[in-house]
Protein backbone atom coordinates (compact mmCIF):
# COMPACT_ATOMS: atom_id res chain seq x y z
CA MET A 1 -14.28 0.27 26.70
CA ILE A 2 -17.75 2.23 26.76
CA ILE A 3 -18.17 5.20 24.01
CA SER A 4 -20.58 8.27 23.89
CA LEU A 5 -21.54 9.13 20.60
CA PRO A 6 -24.12 12.20 20.29
CA ASP A 7 -27.37 11.00 18.31
CA ASP A 8 -26.64 11.91 14.76
CA LEU A 9 -23.38 9.79 14.91
CA LYS A 10 -25.22 6.85 16.37
CA LEU A 11 -27.92 7.51 13.92
CA PHE A 12 -24.88 7.12 10.92
CA ILE A 13 -23.52 4.47 12.04
CA ASP A 14 -26.77 2.27 12.98
CA GLU A 15 -27.10 3.47 8.47
CA GLN A 16 -23.59 2.31 7.58
CA VAL A 17 -24.25 -1.48 9.49
CA SER A 18 -27.22 -1.77 7.65
CA GLN A 19 -25.73 -0.24 4.32
CA ARG A 20 -22.80 -1.72 4.14
CA GLY A 21 -23.55 -4.98 5.86
CA TYR A 22 -21.88 -5.50 9.11
CA SER A 23 -23.54 -7.58 11.96
CA SER A 24 -23.22 -4.73 14.53
CA SER A 25 -21.98 -1.19 15.35
CA SER A 26 -18.86 -2.93 16.85
CA GLU A 27 -17.82 -4.31 13.70
CA TYR A 28 -17.83 -0.90 12.09
CA VAL A 29 -16.01 0.77 14.69
CA GLN A 30 -13.34 -2.12 14.45
CA GLU A 31 -13.14 -1.27 11.01
CA LEU A 32 -12.39 1.97 11.00
CA ILE A 33 -10.03 1.80 13.61
CA ARG A 34 -8.12 -0.86 11.70
CA LYS A 35 -8.28 1.40 8.96
CA ASP A 36 -6.64 3.99 10.68
CA HIS A 37 -4.07 2.02 12.22
CA ASP A 38 -2.61 0.76 8.61
CA ARG A 39 -3.33 4.80 7.44
CA GLN A 40 -0.90 5.47 10.23
CA HIS A 41 1.47 2.52 9.34
CA LEU A 42 1.57 3.55 5.76
CA ARG A 43 2.43 7.11 7.12
CA ASN A 44 4.95 6.72 9.03
CA ALA A 45 7.03 3.58 6.92
CA LEU A 46 6.60 6.93 3.57
CA SER A 47 8.17 9.31 6.03
CA ALA A 48 10.68 7.35 6.94
CA GLY A 49 11.14 6.48 3.39
CA ALA A 50 11.29 10.27 2.46
CA GLU A 51 13.66 10.50 4.69
CA SER A 52 16.19 7.64 4.13
CA ALA A 53 18.64 8.20 2.38
CA PRO A 54 19.08 7.90 -1.82
CA THR A 55 19.00 4.65 -2.82
CA VAL A 56 19.97 3.11 -6.54
CA ALA A 57 16.94 4.11 -8.73
CA VAL A 58 14.48 1.21 -9.34
CA THR A 59 14.50 0.34 -12.70
CA ASP A 60 13.79 -2.54 -15.32
CA ASP A 61 17.43 -3.45 -15.60
CA TYR A 62 17.06 -3.63 -11.64
CA PHE A 63 14.35 -6.23 -11.19
CA GLY A 64 15.98 -8.20 -14.31
CA SER A 65 19.15 -8.17 -12.50
CA LEU A 66 17.36 -9.30 -8.61
CA ARG A 67 15.37 -11.88 -11.34
CA THR A 68 19.11 -13.44 -12.36
CA ARG A 69 20.26 -13.11 -8.87
CA VAL A 70 17.58 -15.03 -7.77
CA ARG A 71 17.50 -17.77 -10.12
CA ASN A 72 21.20 -18.07 -9.17
CA SER A 73 20.60 -18.64 -5.74
CA ARG A 74 18.46 -21.81 -6.30
CA GLY A 75 21.29 -23.54 -7.27
């Protein structure tokens, strides 16, 4: 894949590579894409959660009950 950038963005990327310890501009751009991908995944998960039906509140009692069920399932 070939990406064209204006000189000011090329300079910015070169500075980031140098200052942040990336080995190449490709590594820096790959990291940006991974972070954007992760943000989109999180945004989708949060949206799905917000649109889902309400469930039981997660409290200390909930976690206590969950721990008890896990312990009992171990035999």
